[in-house]
N, C-alpha and C. Protein backbone atom coordinates (compact mmCIF):
# COMPACT_ATOMS: atom_id res chain seq x y z
N UNK A 1 6.40 0.84 14.16
CA UNK A 1 5.72 0.31 15.87
C UNK A 1 4.47 -0.86 15.07
N UNK A 2 4.23 -2.01 15.64
CA UNK A 2 3.75 -3.01 15.35
C UNK A 2 2.39 -3.52 16.47
N UNK A 3 1.38 -2.58 16.63
CA UNK A 3 0.61 -3.28 17.38
C UNK A 3 -0.73 -4.28 17.45
N UNK A 4 -0.65 -5.23 18.34
CA UNK A 4 -1.34 -6.47 17.96
C UNK A 4 -2.88 -5.97 19.03
N UNK A 5 -3.94 -6.03 18.33
CA UNK A 5 -5.38 -5.33 19.02
C UNK A 5 -6.25 -6.67 19.10
N UNK A 6 -6.81 -6.83 20.38
CA UNK A 6 -8.11 -7.43 20.61
C UNK A 6 -9.12 -6.90 21.04
N UNK A 7 -9.95 -7.07 20.77
CA UNK A 7 -11.16 -6.10 21.63
C UNK A 7 -12.40 -7.17 21.42
N UNK A 8 -13.01 -7.41 23.00
CA UNK A 8 -14.75 -7.87 23.11
C UNK A 8 -15.15 -6.86 23.67
N UNK A 9 -16.64 -6.36 23.08
CA UNK A 9 -17.69 -6.15 23.32
C UNK A 9 -18.35 -6.79 23.98
N UNK A 10 -19.25 -6.60 25.06
CA UNK A 10 -20.44 -7.48 25.73
C UNK A 10 -21.57 -6.61 25.77
N UNK A 11 -22.80 -6.98 24.71
CA UNK A 11 -23.81 -6.22 24.88
C UNK A 11 -25.07 -6.62 24.98
N UNK A 12 -25.86 -5.93 25.30
CA UNK A 12 -27.61 -6.71 24.66
C UNK A 12 -27.88 -6.56 23.58
N UNK A 13 -28.99 -7.09 23.04
CA UNK A 13 -28.85 -7.57 21.90
C UNK A 13 -29.16 -5.92 21.10
N UNK A 14 -29.55 -5.69 20.16
CA UNK A 14 -30.22 -4.24 19.60
C UNK A 14 -30.96 -4.60 19.56
N UNK A 15 -31.78 -2.99 20.52
CA UNK A 15 -33.51 -3.05 20.61
C UNK A 15 -34.03 -2.93 19.30
N UNK A 16 -35.20 -3.98 19.22
CA UNK A 16 -35.87 -4.00 17.76
C UNK A 16 -35.31 -4.06 16.98
N UNK A 17 -34.49 -4.94 17.11
CA UNK A 17 -33.66 -5.51 16.04
C UNK A 17 -34.18 -6.70 14.71
N UNK A 18 -34.80 -7.04 15.64
CA UNK A 18 -35.50 -8.34 14.26
C UNK A 18 -36.69 -7.65 13.80
N UNK A 19 -37.41 -6.51 14.00
CA UNK A 19 -38.44 -5.50 13.76
C UNK A 19 -38.67 -4.87 12.43
N UNK A 20 -39.11 -5.37 11.19
CA UNK A 20 -38.95 -4.86 10.07
C UNK A 20 -39.33 -3.45 9.61
N UNK A 21 -40.39 -3.13 11.24
CA UNK A 21 -41.24 -2.07 10.79
C UNK A 21 -40.16 -0.97 11.32
N UNK A 22 -39.18 -1.13 11.77
CA UNK A 22 -38.49 -0.23 12.55
C UNK A 22 -37.98 0.54 11.21
N UNK A 23 -37.85 2.20 11.00
CA UNK A 23 -37.15 2.75 9.92
C UNK A 23 -35.51 2.77 10.06
N UNK A 24 -35.20 2.92 8.70
CA UNK A 24 -33.77 3.18 8.62
C UNK A 24 -33.08 3.91 7.89
N UNK A 25 -33.17 5.31 8.32
CA UNK A 25 -33.00 6.88 7.63
C UNK A 25 -31.55 6.91 7.43
N UNK A 26 -31.08 6.82 8.37
CA UNK A 26 -29.60 7.65 8.78
C UNK A 26 -28.74 6.54 9.11
N UNK A 27 -28.77 5.38 8.87
CA UNK A 27 -27.58 4.15 8.74
C UNK A 27 -27.69 3.60 7.42
N UNK A 28 -27.75 3.74 6.44
CA UNK A 28 -27.65 2.77 5.40
C UNK A 28 -26.37 3.08 4.55
N UNK A 29 -25.63 4.00 4.47
CA UNK A 29 -24.45 3.35 3.84
C UNK A 29 -23.34 2.93 4.73
N UNK A 30 -23.76 1.38 5.25
CA UNK A 30 -22.57 0.97 5.62
C UNK A 30 -21.66 0.49 5.13
N UNK A 31 -20.39 0.77 5.11
CA UNK A 31 -19.33 0.51 4.57
C UNK A 31 -18.29 -0.33 5.57
N UNK A 32 -17.76 -1.51 5.43
CA UNK A 32 -16.68 -2.45 6.72
C UNK A 32 -16.08 -2.74 5.63
N UNK A 33 -14.93 -2.15 6.26
CA UNK A 33 -13.46 -1.81 5.77
C UNK A 33 -12.34 -1.44 7.17
N UNK A 34 -11.09 -1.42 6.82
CA UNK A 34 -10.33 -1.24 7.43
C UNK A 34 -10.33 0.16 8.62
N UNK A 35 -11.11 0.74 8.11
CA UNK A 35 -11.23 2.32 9.16
C UNK A 35 -12.05 2.13 10.11
N UNK A 36 -12.95 1.11 9.80
CA UNK A 36 -14.33 0.46 10.75
C UNK A 36 -14.01 -0.99 11.71
N UNK A 37 -12.57 -1.31 11.40
CA UNK A 37 -13.00 -2.93 12.30
C UNK A 37 -12.99 -2.60 13.21
N UNK A 38 -12.35 -1.84 13.81
CA UNK A 38 -11.90 -1.50 15.74
C UNK A 38 -13.11 -0.60 15.99
N UNK A 39 -14.12 -0.02 15.40
CA UNK A 39 -15.01 0.64 16.00
C UNK A 39 -15.98 0.00 17.26
N UNK A 40 -16.17 0.85 17.78
CA UNK A 40 -17.21 -0.02 18.90
C UNK A 40 -18.87 -0.32 17.73
N UNK A 41 -19.50 0.63 17.31
CA UNK A 41 -20.38 0.63 16.44
C UNK A 41 -20.07 0.95 15.21
N UNK A 42 -20.26 -0.07 14.22
CA UNK A 42 -19.85 -0.12 12.68
C UNK A 42 -20.60 0.39 11.68
N UNK A 43 -22.17 0.69 11.97
CA UNK A 43 -22.71 1.46 11.84
C UNK A 43 -23.01 2.83 11.45
N UNK A 44 -23.60 3.67 10.00
CA UNK A 44 -23.22 4.62 10.15
C UNK A 44 -23.92 5.99 10.91
N UNK A 45 -24.75 5.81 11.39
CA UNK A 45 -25.73 6.26 11.86
C UNK A 45 -26.36 5.70 13.21
N UNK A 46 -27.45 6.74 13.98
CA UNK A 46 -28.32 5.98 14.84
C UNK A 46 -29.53 5.01 14.53
N UNK A 47 -29.74 5.52 13.46
CA UNK A 47 -31.26 4.35 13.54
C UNK A 47 -30.90 2.65 13.82
N UNK A 48 -29.83 2.23 13.38
CA UNK A 48 -29.47 0.99 13.79
C UNK A 48 -28.13 1.11 14.72
N UNK A 49 -27.99 -0.08 15.55
CA UNK A 49 -26.70 0.56 16.53
C UNK A 49 -26.38 -1.09 16.49
N UNK A 50 -25.35 -1.23 17.20
CA UNK A 50 -24.95 -2.76 17.14
C UNK A 50 -24.80 -3.22 18.77
N UNK A 51 -25.46 -4.77 18.37
CA UNK A 51 -25.64 -5.43 19.72
C UNK A 51 -24.97 -6.88 19.73
N UNK A 52 -24.87 -7.51 21.02
CA UNK A 52 -24.42 -8.51 20.97
C UNK A 52 -23.12 -8.78 21.12
N UNK A 53 -22.54 -9.82 21.61
CA UNK A 53 -21.12 -9.79 21.76
C UNK A 53 -20.10 -9.65 20.97
N UNK A 54 -19.46 -9.24 20.41
CA UNK A 54 -18.29 -8.84 19.18
C UNK A 54 -16.84 -9.23 19.95
N UNK A 55 -15.93 -9.61 19.18
CA UNK A 55 -14.68 -9.64 18.71
C UNK A 55 -14.33 -9.05 17.71
N UNK A 56 -12.81 -7.76 17.85
CA UNK A 56 -12.21 -7.54 17.04
C UNK A 56 -10.61 -7.43 16.74
N UNK A 57 -10.26 -8.65 15.82
CA UNK A 57 -9.05 -8.87 16.02
C UNK A 57 -8.38 -8.49 14.95
N UNK A 58 -6.64 -8.25 14.85
CA UNK A 58 -5.57 -7.66 14.14
C UNK A 58 -5.04 -6.83 14.25
N UNK A 59 -4.08 -5.98 13.20
CA UNK A 59 -3.20 -5.27 13.98
C UNK A 59 -2.97 -4.12 13.38
N UNK A 60 -2.17 -3.13 13.88
CA UNK A 60 -2.33 -2.00 13.43
C UNK A 60 -0.71 -1.91 12.83
N UNK A 61 0.19 -1.08 12.11
CA UNK A 61 1.29 -0.54 11.97
C UNK A 61 1.48 0.69 11.32
N UNK A 62 2.41 1.34 11.91
CA UNK A 62 3.03 2.29 11.58
C UNK A 62 4.43 2.67 11.64
N UNK A 63 5.08 3.54 10.72
CA UNK A 63 6.35 3.44 10.27
C UNK A 63 6.85 5.16 10.40
N UNK A 64 8.23 5.24 10.71
CA UNK A 64 8.29 6.88 10.51
C UNK A 64 9.63 6.54 9.41
N UNK A 65 9.83 7.10 8.45
CA UNK A 65 10.77 6.96 7.10
C UNK A 65 11.97 7.96 7.05
N UNK A 66 11.17 9.20 7.94
CA UNK A 66 11.92 10.30 7.72
C UNK A 66 12.18 10.93 6.83
N UNK A 67 12.50 12.24 7.15
CA UNK A 67 12.27 13.51 5.78
C UNK A 67 10.44 13.27 5.53
N UNK A 68 10.13 13.46 6.28
CA UNK A 68 8.42 13.75 6.32
C UNK A 68 7.88 12.16 5.82
N UNK A 69 8.09 11.24 5.56
CA UNK A 69 7.55 10.05 4.69
C UNK A 69 7.16 9.22 6.17
N UNK A 70 6.14 8.27 5.94
CA UNK A 70 5.71 7.64 6.80
C UNK A 70 4.82 6.49 5.81
N UNK A 71 4.19 5.75 6.62
CA UNK A 71 3.47 4.17 6.28
C UNK A 71 2.62 3.76 7.56
N UNK A 72 1.14 3.56 6.81
CA UNK A 72 0.37 2.42 7.89
C UNK A 72 -0.14 1.68 7.40
N UNK A 73 -0.38 0.46 8.59
CA UNK A 73 -1.31 -0.73 7.73
C UNK A 73 -1.89 -1.06 8.71
N UNK A 74 -2.93 -1.88 8.52
CA UNK A 74 -4.26 -2.09 9.11
C UNK A 74 -4.66 -3.49 8.68
N UNK A 75 -4.53 -4.84 9.50
CA UNK A 75 -5.53 -6.05 8.55
C UNK A 75 -6.09 -6.43 10.21
N UNK A 76 -7.29 -7.61 10.00
CA UNK A 76 -7.70 -8.23 10.41
C UNK A 76 -9.33 -8.74 10.14
N UNK A 77 -10.00 -9.06 11.09
CA UNK A 77 -11.45 -9.43 11.36
C UNK A 77 -12.13 -9.47 12.47
N UNK A 78 -13.50 -9.59 12.69
CA UNK A 78 -14.31 -9.26 13.24
C UNK A 78 -15.26 -10.52 13.31
N UNK A 79 -15.61 -10.95 15.07
CA UNK A 79 -16.10 -12.03 15.00
C UNK A 79 -17.66 -12.07 15.96
N UNK A 80 -18.50 -12.44 15.56
CA UNK A 80 -19.60 -12.68 16.08
C UNK A 80 -19.88 -13.43 17.00
N UNK A 81 -19.95 -13.45 18.50
CA UNK A 81 -19.77 -14.46 19.46
C UNK A 81 -21.29 -14.87 19.80
N UNK A 82 -21.85 -14.21 20.07
CA UNK A 82 -22.73 -14.05 20.84
C UNK A 82 -24.19 -13.35 21.07
N UNK A 83 -25.38 -13.72 21.37
CA UNK A 83 -26.58 -12.82 21.13
C UNK A 83 -26.85 -12.48 19.65
N UNK A 84 -27.62 -11.58 19.29
CA UNK A 84 -28.21 -11.59 17.71
C UNK A 84 -27.38 -10.74 16.85
N UNK A 85 -26.69 -11.20 15.86
CA UNK A 85 -25.80 -10.49 14.86
C UNK A 85 -26.55 -9.51 14.29
N UNK A 86 -26.67 -8.00 14.61
CA UNK A 86 -27.44 -6.71 14.07
C UNK A 86 -27.45 -6.77 12.23
N UNK A 87 -26.27 -6.93 11.96
CA UNK A 87 -25.88 -7.26 10.51
C UNK A 87 -26.23 -8.32 9.67
N UNK A 88 -26.71 -8.83 10.49
CA UNK A 88 -27.76 -10.14 9.85
C UNK A 88 -29.18 -10.11 9.81
N UNK A 89 -29.71 -8.93 10.50
CA UNK A 89 -30.58 -8.97 11.24
C UNK A 89 -31.36 -7.85 10.00
N UNK A 90 -32.83 -8.15 9.56
CA UNK A 90 -33.47 -7.70 8.25
C UNK A 90 -33.78 -6.27 8.57
N UNK A 91 -33.85 -5.11 7.96
CA UNK A 91 -34.33 -3.90 8.06
C UNK A 91 -35.16 -3.61 6.70
N UNK A 92 -35.61 -2.47 6.78
CA UNK A 92 -36.44 -2.31 5.34
C UNK A 92 -35.56 -1.72 4.03
N UNK A 93 -34.58 -1.53 3.98
CA UNK A 93 -33.39 -1.16 3.07
C UNK A 93 -32.08 -2.63 3.18
N UNK A 94 -32.24 -3.13 4.11
CA UNK A 94 -31.47 -4.67 3.83
C UNK A 94 -30.02 -3.81 4.29
N UNK A 95 -29.69 -3.59 4.98
CA UNK A 95 -28.81 -2.48 5.09
C UNK A 95 -27.61 -3.57 5.54
N UNK A 96 -27.46 -4.74 6.05
CA UNK A 96 -26.59 -5.37 6.31
C UNK A 96 -26.19 -6.53 5.22
N UNK A 97 -27.08 -7.04 4.29
CA UNK A 97 -26.91 -7.93 3.37
C UNK A 97 -25.25 -7.58 2.93
N UNK A 98 -24.56 -8.61 2.57
CA UNK A 98 -23.32 -8.44 1.55
C UNK A 98 -22.38 -7.25 2.49
N UNK A 99 -22.30 -7.26 3.47
CA UNK A 99 -21.64 -5.87 4.03
C UNK A 99 -20.08 -6.89 4.58
N UNK A 100 -20.39 -7.89 4.91
CA UNK A 100 -19.09 -8.47 5.16
C UNK A 100 -19.07 -8.93 7.13
N UNK A 101 -20.13 -8.78 7.31
CA UNK A 101 -20.51 -8.80 8.76
C UNK A 101 -21.81 -9.67 8.81
N UNK A 102 -22.36 -9.80 7.87
CA UNK A 102 -23.07 -10.81 8.04
C UNK A 102 -23.14 -12.15 9.00
N UNK A 103 -22.32 -12.70 8.79
CA UNK A 103 -21.63 -13.99 9.53
C UNK A 103 -21.11 -14.35 10.45
N UNK A 104 -21.06 -15.46 10.98
CA UNK A 104 -20.25 -15.38 11.98
C UNK A 104 -18.56 -14.67 12.45
N UNK A 105 -18.26 -15.06 11.37
CA UNK A 105 -16.86 -14.71 11.00
C UNK A 105 -16.79 -13.74 9.74
N UNK A 106 -16.32 -11.84 10.01
CA UNK A 106 -16.59 -11.56 9.19
C UNK A 106 -15.57 -11.45 8.49
N UNK A 107 -15.41 -10.87 6.87
CA UNK A 107 -14.76 -11.18 5.93
C UNK A 107 -13.43 -10.40 6.74
N UNK A 108 -12.74 -10.57 5.70
CA UNK A 108 -10.89 -9.77 6.20
C UNK A 108 -10.72 -8.58 5.49
N UNK A 109 -10.38 -7.82 6.00
CA UNK A 109 -10.21 -6.04 5.35
C UNK A 109 -8.73 -6.01 6.30
N UNK A 110 -8.32 -5.03 5.05
CA UNK A 110 -7.19 -4.42 5.41
C UNK A 110 -6.51 -3.39 4.64
N UNK A 111 -5.80 -2.73 4.48
CA UNK A 111 -5.27 -1.51 3.77
C UNK A 111 -4.11 -1.06 3.81
N UNK A 112 -3.29 -0.57 3.50
CA UNK A 112 -1.85 -0.20 3.40
C UNK A 112 -1.95 1.48 3.28
N UNK A 113 -1.04 2.02 3.57
CA UNK A 113 -0.92 3.76 3.04
C UNK A 113 0.45 4.08 3.11
N UNK A 114 0.69 5.48 2.46
CA UNK A 114 2.17 6.28 2.45
C UNK A 114 1.50 7.44 2.55
N UNK A 115 2.15 8.27 3.70
CA UNK A 115 2.16 9.87 3.47
C UNK A 115 3.52 10.28 2.82
N UNK A 116 3.36 11.61 1.99
CA UNK A 116 4.48 11.78 1.70
C UNK A 116 4.87 13.77 2.12
N UNK A 117 5.85 14.09 1.90
CA UNK A 117 6.42 15.33 2.73
C UNK A 117 5.49 16.63 2.01
N UNK A 118 4.93 16.11 0.71
CA UNK A 118 4.91 17.31 0.30
C UNK A 118 2.86 17.18 -0.09
N UNK A 119 2.52 16.64 0.60
CA UNK A 119 0.98 16.80 0.87
C UNK A 119 -0.06 15.75 -0.09
N UNK A 120 1.18 14.54 -0.47
CA UNK A 120 0.23 13.69 -0.99
C UNK A 120 0.06 12.64 -0.01
N UNK A 121 -0.74 12.03 -0.51
CA UNK A 121 -1.00 10.19 0.54
C UNK A 121 -1.92 9.90 -0.25
N UNK A 122 -1.64 8.27 -0.07
CA UNK A 122 -1.37 7.29 -1.24
C UNK A 122 -2.02 5.96 -0.25
N UNK A 123 -3.53 5.68 -0.23
CA UNK A 123 -3.74 4.27 0.57
C UNK A 123 -5.13 3.58 -0.66
N UNK A 124 -4.64 2.17 -0.28
CA UNK A 124 -5.22 0.80 -0.84
C UNK A 124 -5.99 0.20 0.41
N UNK A 125 -7.09 -0.15 0.06
CA UNK A 125 -7.78 -0.90 1.30
C UNK A 125 -8.54 -2.17 0.41
N UNK A 126 -8.85 -3.00 1.02
CA UNK A 126 -9.74 -4.15 0.38
C UNK A 126 -10.11 -4.66 1.23
N UNK A 127 -11.12 -5.80 1.00
CA UNK A 127 -12.07 -6.65 2.08
C UNK A 127 -11.95 -7.82 0.96
N UNK A 128 -11.86 -8.74 1.55
CA UNK A 128 -12.03 -10.50 1.38
C UNK A 128 -12.48 -11.11 1.93
N UNK A 129 -13.47 -12.21 1.06
CA UNK A 129 -14.25 -13.06 1.31
C UNK A 129 -13.77 -14.12 2.95
N UNK A 130 -14.14 -14.45 3.96
CA UNK A 130 -13.73 -15.46 5.01
C UNK A 130 -13.61 -16.19 4.85
N UNK A 131 -14.64 -16.80 3.72
CA UNK A 131 -14.23 -18.28 2.65
C UNK A 131 -13.70 -18.75 2.13
N UNK A 132 -13.52 -18.02 1.00
CA UNK A 132 -12.32 -18.24 0.01
C UNK A 132 -11.38 -16.77 -0.90
N UNK A 133 -11.45 -15.97 0.25
CA UNK A 133 -10.19 -14.69 0.15
C UNK A 133 -10.70 -14.01 -1.28
N UNK A 134 -12.08 -14.10 -1.90
CA UNK A 134 -12.33 -13.23 -2.88
C UNK A 134 -12.34 -12.06 -2.46
N UNK A 135 -11.90 -11.41 -3.74
CA UNK A 135 -11.89 -10.06 -3.33
C UNK A 135 -13.51 -9.60 -3.50
N UNK A 136 -14.17 -8.69 -2.58
CA UNK A 136 -15.34 -8.34 -2.18
C UNK A 136 -15.48 -6.90 -2.48
N UNK A 137 -14.63 -6.04 -1.94
CA UNK A 137 -14.24 -4.72 -2.36
C UNK A 137 -12.99 -4.06 -2.57
N UNK A 138 -12.52 -2.86 -2.93
CA UNK A 138 -11.42 -2.57 -3.61
C UNK A 138 -11.48 -0.81 -3.28
N UNK A 139 -10.59 -0.43 -2.93
CA UNK A 139 -10.42 1.69 -2.96
C UNK A 139 -9.39 1.84 -3.16
N UNK A 140 -8.25 2.65 -4.22
CA UNK A 140 -7.66 3.10 -3.96
C UNK A 140 -7.64 4.62 -4.17
N UNK A 141 -7.19 5.35 -3.26
CA UNK A 141 -7.38 6.74 -3.05
C UNK A 141 -6.01 7.42 -2.67
N UNK A 142 -6.29 8.25 -3.20
CA UNK A 142 -5.12 9.84 -3.47
C UNK A 142 -5.48 10.95 -3.22
N UNK A 143 -4.76 11.66 -2.23
CA UNK A 143 -5.44 12.88 -1.82
C UNK A 143 -4.15 13.79 -1.51
N UNK A 144 -4.42 15.08 -1.72
CA UNK A 144 -3.12 16.36 -2.03
C UNK A 144 -3.69 17.80 -0.89
N UNK A 145 -3.21 17.91 0.04
CA UNK A 145 -3.49 19.02 0.75
C UNK A 145 -2.85 19.85 1.36
N UNK A 146 -2.67 21.23 0.55
CA UNK A 146 -2.11 22.69 1.21
C UNK A 146 -2.80 23.53 1.96
N UNK A 147 -2.51 24.57 2.68
CA UNK A 147 -3.48 25.39 3.21
C UNK A 147 -4.62 25.78 2.83
N UNK A 148 -4.98 25.65 1.32
CA UNK A 148 -5.57 26.66 0.27
C UNK A 148 -6.33 25.51 -0.19
N UNK A 149 -5.86 24.59 -0.88
CA UNK A 149 -6.72 23.29 -1.16
C UNK A 149 -6.72 22.12 -1.31
N UNK A 150 -7.55 21.81 -1.21
CA UNK A 150 -7.75 20.00 -1.11
C UNK A 150 -8.54 19.41 -2.12
N UNK A 151 -7.59 17.74 -2.41
CA UNK A 151 -8.16 17.32 -3.80
C UNK A 151 -8.15 15.52 -3.06
N UNK A 152 -8.89 15.47 -3.88
CA UNK A 152 -9.04 13.31 -3.48
C UNK A 152 -9.26 13.02 -4.95
N UNK A 153 -9.06 11.71 -4.81
CA UNK A 153 -9.94 10.51 -5.88
C UNK A 153 -9.62 9.47 -5.40
N UNK A 154 -10.67 8.74 -5.50
CA UNK A 154 -10.68 7.15 -5.11
C UNK A 154 -11.73 6.54 -6.42
N UNK A 155 -11.10 5.50 -6.55
CA UNK A 155 -11.29 4.47 -7.43
C UNK A 155 -12.08 3.25 -6.36
N UNK A 156 -13.42 2.88 -6.84
CA UNK A 156 -13.75 1.65 -6.08
C UNK A 156 -14.51 0.63 -6.86
N UNK A 157 -14.12 -1.12 -6.34
CA UNK A 157 -14.26 -2.04 -7.19
C UNK A 157 -15.09 -2.49 -6.08
N UNK A 158 -16.54 -2.75 -6.45
CA UNK A 158 -17.46 -3.24 -5.23
C UNK A 158 -18.22 -4.59 -5.52
N UNK A 159 -18.26 -5.48 -5.08
CA UNK A 159 -18.74 -6.94 -5.98
C UNK A 159 -20.58 -7.03 -5.88
N UNK A 160 -20.95 -6.96 -6.27
CA UNK A 160 -22.09 -7.76 -6.15
C UNK A 160 -23.25 -7.51 -5.07
N UNK A 161 -23.93 -7.24 -5.03
CA UNK A 161 -24.89 -6.92 -3.50
C UNK A 161 -26.11 -7.25 -4.13
N UNK A 162 -26.59 -8.45 -4.09
CA UNK A 162 -28.45 -8.81 -5.12
C UNK A 162 -29.18 -8.47 -3.71
N UNK A 163 -29.19 -8.43 -2.39
CA UNK A 163 -30.36 -8.20 -1.52
C UNK A 163 -29.91 -6.76 -1.20
N UNK A 164 -29.09 -6.18 -1.64
CA UNK A 164 -28.80 -4.96 -1.30
C UNK A 164 -29.28 -3.83 -2.23
N UNK A 165 -29.79 -4.52 -3.53
CA UNK A 165 -30.37 -3.63 -4.94
C UNK A 165 -29.38 -3.41 -5.99
N UNK A 166 -28.05 -4.29 -5.86
CA UNK A 166 -27.13 -4.64 -6.85
C UNK A 166 -27.13 -5.98 -7.30
N UNK A 167 -27.04 -5.86 -8.28
CA UNK A 167 -27.25 -7.35 -8.91
C UNK A 167 -25.88 -7.54 -9.84
N UNK A 168 -25.17 -6.68 -10.10
CA UNK A 168 -23.52 -6.97 -10.56
C UNK A 168 -22.87 -5.97 -9.88
N UNK A 169 -21.53 -6.59 -10.23
CA UNK A 169 -20.03 -5.66 -9.72
C UNK A 169 -20.40 -4.17 -10.42
N UNK A 170 -19.87 -3.69 -9.20
CA UNK A 170 -19.54 -2.21 -9.76
C UNK A 170 -18.45 -1.78 -9.51
N UNK A 171 -18.03 -0.33 -10.59
CA UNK A 171 -17.03 0.15 -10.47
C UNK A 171 -16.82 1.52 -10.67
N UNK A 172 -16.70 2.22 -9.19
CA UNK A 172 -16.77 3.78 -9.58
C UNK A 172 -16.16 4.68 -8.93
N UNK A 173 -15.86 5.65 -9.54
CA UNK A 173 -14.59 6.93 -9.53
C UNK A 173 -15.26 7.78 -8.73
N UNK A 174 -14.72 8.48 -7.84
CA UNK A 174 -14.88 9.52 -6.90
C UNK A 174 -13.54 10.77 -6.87
N UNK A 175 -14.71 11.98 -7.02
CA UNK A 175 -13.65 13.12 -7.33
C UNK A 175 -13.90 14.01 -6.28
N UNK A 176 -13.26 14.40 -5.01
CA UNK A 176 -13.82 15.90 -4.20
C UNK A 176 -12.37 16.72 -4.22
N UNK A 177 -12.79 18.09 -4.15
CA UNK A 177 -12.32 19.28 -4.01
C UNK A 177 -12.56 20.11 -3.12
N UNK A 178 -11.76 20.94 -2.17
CA UNK A 178 -12.23 22.47 -1.72
C UNK A 178 -11.07 22.80 -1.89
N UNK A 179 -11.60 24.66 -1.97
CA UNK A 179 -10.92 25.25 -2.01
C UNK A 179 -10.68 26.71 -0.46
N UNK A 180 -10.11 27.16 -0.03
CA UNK A 180 -10.22 28.39 1.07
C UNK A 180 -10.55 29.46 0.30
N UNK A 181 -11.16 30.56 -0.18
CA UNK A 181 -11.61 31.14 -0.44
C UNK A 181 -11.58 33.05 0.51
N UNK A 182 -11.78 32.62 2.07
CA UNK A 182 -11.53 33.75 2.73
C UNK A 182 -10.81 33.30 4.23
N UNK A 183 -10.84 34.31 4.82
CA UNK A 183 -10.26 33.07 6.15
C UNK A 183 -11.34 32.12 7.00
N UNK A 184 -12.56 32.05 6.61
CA UNK A 184 -13.23 31.18 7.49
C UNK A 184 -14.07 30.67 6.10
N UNK A 185 -14.01 30.95 4.97
CA UNK A 185 -14.61 30.61 4.46
C UNK A 185 -14.21 28.95 2.92
N UNK A 186 -14.86 28.42 2.89
CA UNK A 186 -14.26 27.08 1.91
C UNK A 186 -15.57 27.10 0.71
N UNK A 187 -14.93 26.92 -0.54
CA UNK A 187 -16.20 25.93 -1.14
C UNK A 187 -15.70 24.61 -1.87
N UNK A 188 -16.34 23.94 -1.91
CA UNK A 188 -16.20 22.46 -2.27
C UNK A 188 -16.90 22.19 -3.24
N UNK A 189 -16.85 20.78 -3.88
CA UNK A 189 -17.32 20.43 -4.96
C UNK A 189 -16.96 18.74 -4.82
N UNK A 190 -18.18 17.83 -5.27
CA UNK A 190 -17.77 16.61 -5.34
C UNK A 190 -18.40 15.71 -6.20
N UNK A 191 -18.09 14.65 -6.83
CA UNK A 191 -19.17 13.96 -8.00
C UNK A 191 -18.61 12.53 -8.42
N UNK A 192 -19.12 11.41 -8.29
CA UNK A 192 -19.35 9.83 -8.19
C UNK A 192 -19.84 9.27 -9.75
N UNK A 193 -18.89 8.77 -10.42
CA UNK A 193 -19.61 8.13 -11.48
C UNK A 193 -19.36 6.83 -11.66
N UNK A 194 -20.11 6.17 -12.14
CA UNK A 194 -20.23 4.67 -12.44
C UNK A 194 -20.28 4.15 -13.67
N UNK A 195 -19.05 3.41 -13.56
CA UNK A 195 -18.66 3.06 -15.00
C UNK A 195 -19.62 2.00 -15.96
N UNK A 196 -20.23 0.91 -15.03
CA UNK A 196 -20.88 0.15 -15.48
C UNK A 196 -22.41 0.93 -15.84
N UNK A 197 -22.53 1.65 -15.25
CA UNK A 197 -24.06 2.40 -15.41
C UNK A 197 -23.78 3.05 -15.79
N UNK A 198 -22.83 4.13 -17.08
CA UNK A 198 -21.95 5.32 -17.82
C UNK A 198 -22.90 6.31 -17.26
N UNK A 199 -22.97 6.71 -15.95
CA UNK A 199 -23.83 7.80 -15.67
C UNK A 199 -23.25 8.63 -13.95
N UNK A 200 -23.51 9.61 -14.06
CA UNK A 200 -23.06 10.63 -13.10
C UNK A 200 -23.97 10.19 -12.15
N UNK A 201 -23.48 9.32 -10.80
CA UNK A 201 -24.39 8.61 -9.33
C UNK A 201 -25.05 9.88 -8.68
N UNK A 202 -23.77 10.71 -8.14
CA UNK A 202 -24.09 11.98 -7.18
C UNK A 202 -23.14 12.88 -7.70
N UNK A 203 -23.61 14.53 -7.43
CA UNK A 203 -22.74 15.36 -7.86
C UNK A 203 -23.14 16.43 -6.21
N UNK A 204 -22.05 17.05 -6.01
CA UNK A 204 -22.20 17.97 -5.05
C UNK A 204 -21.66 19.06 -5.07
N UNK A 205 -22.31 20.43 -4.73
CA UNK A 205 -21.28 21.58 -4.96
C UNK A 205 -22.31 22.66 -3.61
N UNK A 206 -20.89 23.36 -2.47
CA UNK A 206 -21.65 24.03 -1.43
C UNK A 206 -20.43 24.75 -1.29
N UNK A 207 -21.00 25.16 0.60
CA UNK A 207 -19.91 25.96 1.07
C UNK A 207 -19.97 26.06 2.06
N UNK A 208 -18.50 26.12 3.38
CA UNK A 208 -18.62 25.91 4.41
C UNK A 208 -17.76 27.33 5.29
N UNK A 209 -18.85 27.14 6.36
CA UNK A 209 -17.69 28.64 7.14
C UNK A 209 -17.86 27.43 8.17
N UNK A 210 -16.56 28.15 9.01
CA UNK A 210 -15.48 27.42 9.72
C UNK A 210 -14.74 28.41 10.82
N UNK A 211 -15.19 28.79 12.15
CA UNK A 211 -15.09 29.78 12.93
C UNK A 211 -14.57 29.42 13.93
N UNK A 212 -13.19 28.61 14.22
CA UNK A 212 -12.84 28.34 15.57
C UNK A 212 -12.77 29.03 16.61
């Protein structure tokens, strides 16, 4: 199935979007990629919201190969048509800088993936500069899941974002996992390693209770 997709969102400008004094605590982790291409609001939280008129254009593909195998793909671009571009409006943490959305024509984003019948999934995604198609970000992800265990590994290449506090290109690896230990309980752990800085940039461990 191949779906051409075109969206137009007509909205007023983001309230207070040009005021540096407005704090941004929960929308700092902005990542523009294929998974957010067709989202109505691409910010990750509520302190910043998308305003202005924007069009998202692209296609989505899904294929059933039989025997539990399937594929999917997304590719497209976003266009700021009118009003104030919220991703070009500064805030205290420069969240929109080098996001790929700060220009009238966004960077190109794409993703391809394959799902297997044995619980393994593979996804490759990338963002390319809208002017010269140079790679700005790339992610390779593999996951495995069964009723008891879920594992995920991701390698990311992220181009330099000087105005966002990163002067050099980055390469990171993230590993996450969770295991069911009782009917409603799971334990989980995650960690991210920065190859350029040669350090562990984040680590998490905890448990969840889920009784539907």
